[in-house]
Each structure stands twice: as C-alpha cells, then as structure tokens.
Protein backbone atom coordinates (compact mmCIF):
# COMPACT_ATOMS: atom_id res chain seq x y z
CA VAL A 1 110.25 126.16 112.91
CA LEU A 2 110.71 127.82 109.52
CA ASP A 3 111.59 131.41 110.38
CA SER A 4 111.58 133.76 107.37
CA CYS A 5 112.01 130.95 104.88
CA PRO A 6 112.18 129.41 102.38
CA GLY A 7 112.93 131.91 99.65
CA ASP A 8 112.62 131.03 95.98
CA HIS A 9 114.76 133.34 93.94
CA GLY A 10 117.79 131.12 93.53
CA LEU A 11 121.07 132.92 93.32
CA ALA A 12 119.51 136.28 94.18
CA THR A 13 118.16 134.94 97.50
CA THR A 14 121.42 133.14 98.29
CA PHE A 15 123.32 136.32 97.62
CA ALA A 16 120.92 138.47 99.67
CA VAL A 17 121.42 136.22 102.69
CA LEU A 18 125.20 135.77 102.38
CA ARG A 19 126.09 139.27 101.14
CA PRO A 20 128.69 141.07 103.26
CA LYS A 21 127.29 143.83 105.44
CA GLY A 22 128.60 147.36 105.24
CA PRO A 23 129.23 149.51 102.17
CA VAL A 24 132.95 148.80 101.71
CA LEU A 25 132.70 145.04 102.11
CA SER A 26 129.53 144.95 100.07
CA TYR A 27 130.97 146.81 97.08
CA VAL A 28 134.34 145.05 97.17
CA LEU A 29 133.42 141.50 98.11
CA ALA A 30 129.86 141.26 96.78
CA PRO A 31 130.77 140.76 93.10
CA LEU A 32 133.40 138.18 94.04
CA LEU A 33 130.99 136.30 96.30
CA TYR A 34 128.28 136.38 93.63
CA ALA A 35 130.70 134.99 91.01
CA ILE A 36 131.92 132.21 93.33
CA ILE A 37 128.38 131.09 94.16
CA ALA A 38 127.30 131.16 90.50
CA MET A 39 130.42 129.28 89.35
CA ARG A 40 130.02 126.61 92.02
CA GLN A 41 126.41 125.99 91.01
CA ARG A 42 127.36 125.64 87.35
CA LEU A 43 130.43 123.45 87.89
CA GLU A 44 128.59 121.09 90.21
CA HIS A 45 125.44 121.10 88.03
CA ARG A 46 123.40 121.95 91.09
CA GLN A 47 120.20 123.80 91.56
CA PRO A 48 120.43 127.04 93.52
CA LEU A 49 120.90 126.43 97.25
CA PHE A 50 117.47 127.72 98.22
CA THR A 51 115.78 125.58 95.56
CA GLU A 52 117.42 122.53 97.15
CA ILE A 53 116.29 123.68 100.59
CA ARG A 54 112.69 124.24 99.39
CA LEU A 55 112.58 120.68 98.03
CA ALA A 56 114.16 119.17 101.15
CA LEU A 57 111.62 120.92 103.37
CA LEU A 58 108.79 119.16 101.52
CA GLN A 59 110.03 115.74 102.62
CA GLU A 60 107.71 113.99 105.06
CA GLU A 61 110.57 112.71 107.21
CA LEU A 62 112.32 116.01 107.68
CA LEU A 63 113.97 114.77 110.85
CA SER A 64 115.64 111.42 111.19
CA PRO A 65 113.43 108.66 112.65
CA PHE A 66 116.18 108.22 115.24
CA ILE A 67 115.35 111.58 116.82
CA THR A 68 111.57 111.68 116.46
CA ALA A 69 108.91 109.08 117.21
CA SER A 70 106.57 110.52 114.60
CA PRO A 71 107.24 110.11 110.87
CA VAL A 72 105.62 113.47 110.17
CA THR A 73 107.36 116.56 111.47
CA GLU A 74 105.16 119.44 112.56
CA ARG A 75 106.04 122.67 110.78
CA VAL A 76 105.28 126.29 111.53
CA TYR A 77 106.16 128.99 109.02
CA ILE A 78 106.83 132.30 110.77
CA TYR A 79 107.16 135.09 108.24
CA SER A 80 106.43 138.72 107.49
CA THR A 81 104.94 140.86 104.76
CA SER A 82 107.76 143.35 105.36
CA ASP A 83 110.69 140.91 104.92
CA SER A 84 113.18 142.48 102.51
CA VAL A 85 115.04 139.21 101.84
CA VAL A 86 112.36 136.53 101.44
CA LYS A 87 109.12 137.42 99.69
CA VAL A 88 105.84 136.60 101.39
CA GLU A 89 104.61 135.00 98.15
CA ASP A 90 107.52 132.55 98.20
CA VAL A 91 106.76 131.44 101.75
CA GLU A 92 103.03 131.13 101.07
CA ALA A 93 103.67 129.11 97.89
CA HIS A 94 105.78 126.70 99.95
CA VAL A 95 103.07 126.50 102.62
CA GLU A 96 100.57 125.45 99.94
CA ALA A 97 103.01 122.93 98.46
CA ALA A 98 103.55 121.45 101.93
CA ARG A 99 99.81 121.19 102.57
CA THR A 100 99.30 119.60 99.15
CA ALA A 101 101.99 117.06 100.07
CA GLY A 102 99.95 116.20 103.19
CA LEU A 103 102.34 117.74 105.69
CA HIS A 104 101.25 119.16 109.04
CA VAL A 105 101.56 122.92 108.58
CA ASP A 106 100.78 125.96 110.71
CA THR A 107 101.55 129.59 109.92
CA GLU A 108 102.23 132.79 111.82
CA LYS A 109 102.17 135.76 109.45
CA PHE A 110 103.35 139.14 110.74
CA THR A 111 101.63 142.00 108.92
CA THR A 112 103.18 144.62 111.18
CA PRO A 113 106.76 145.66 110.37
CA SER A 114 108.98 142.70 111.22
CA PRO A 115 112.36 142.31 109.49
CA HIS A 116 113.92 139.13 108.11
CA VAL A 117 114.45 136.72 111.06
CA GLY A 118 113.43 139.51 113.44
CA HIS A 119 110.00 138.23 114.45
CA ALA A 120 111.01 137.13 117.96
CA ARG A 121 112.32 140.65 118.63
CA THR A 122 109.27 142.27 117.04
CA ASP A 123 106.67 140.37 119.08
CA GLU A 124 108.31 137.96 121.49
CA ARG A 125 105.06 136.63 122.99
CA ARG A 126 103.46 135.88 119.63
CA TYR A 127 106.60 134.25 118.22
CA TRP A 128 107.11 131.90 121.16
CA GLU A 129 103.40 131.04 121.32
CA ALA A 130 103.65 129.83 117.71
CA VAL A 131 106.74 127.77 118.58
CA ALA A 132 105.06 126.33 121.70
CA ARG A 133 101.88 125.49 119.76
CA THR A 134 103.94 123.56 117.21
CA TRP A 135 105.96 121.80 119.90
CA LYS A 136 102.77 120.67 121.68
CA LYS A 137 101.34 119.23 118.46
CA ALA A 138 104.61 117.43 117.75
CA CYS A 139 104.71 115.93 121.25
CA HIS A 140 101.05 114.87 121.01
CA ASN A 141 101.62 113.18 117.64
CA ALA A 142 104.77 111.46 118.90
CA ARG A 143 102.92 110.04 121.93
CA ALA A 144 100.09 108.84 119.69
CA LYS A 145 102.60 106.88 117.56
CA LEU A 146 104.20 105.10 120.54
C-alpha cells in the first residue's frame, strides 16, 4: 500500500516530510535540518532519499521471496489531489512507470479534500476497501503460484 507516495522533488520533498512542526521549531531547526540532509547527500554521493525510494518501488520483487509466494507484489497507490506534500503528478508518473515495468498496479485517487496520509481518516470505508481489494489480489496470485 503506497499511501501518499512517492514524491519526486528530492531534497524539497524530504524536507517537507521531515520538517519540524510548529513555528519555533520550524524556524530554528528547519535550516539546520535542511543543511544536514543536503550535506549528507553530497558527502555520500547519493541521490535524494525520495529518488532512491521511487526507484526501489519499481522493483518487481519489492518484498523478499521469503515472505511472499508470488514474485510480483500487488501495489495500490492511494493519493489525493489536495496533498500539500506530494504532488498528484509525481504519484501518477510513478504509477505509469510501474505499469510500464509490468507491475500489478491499482489506484485510489481522492479528489475530495484529503490531506497527506490522511485518506483513511477522510473516507475510512473507501480507504480500507482499496487495501482489501489489493490484499485479495495478492492472496489470489500467491495461491496461483503454489
């Protein structure tokens, strides 16, 4: 279940997710946190964290073969047009990349106001139906492989 992810704006997305909450902490610690994240990426010659996550999520064997009978992991992207952290275009671009890679992909797009990772609170029934639908497909595919 990919809830409100993946983003694709590198350091800006990382910072938006990890930024301290509250005005005092945000103004005091935010620049320090931003500098630490940027320095770590440069020193380790790494791509931004969310770029690494986006690439990892396109792997066919997302879960270890020791914990799933099926080599292909079912995925459902649950996201919102009103997410202020992760842009809908970033999620939809990843959905298309996953489909192009031949992955099993489903989507649940909230067009009503639903904040970042707040979809289960916004519409509990709809959220859990999407999760259950994905789980049923995964179980069916696992049984077919046995």
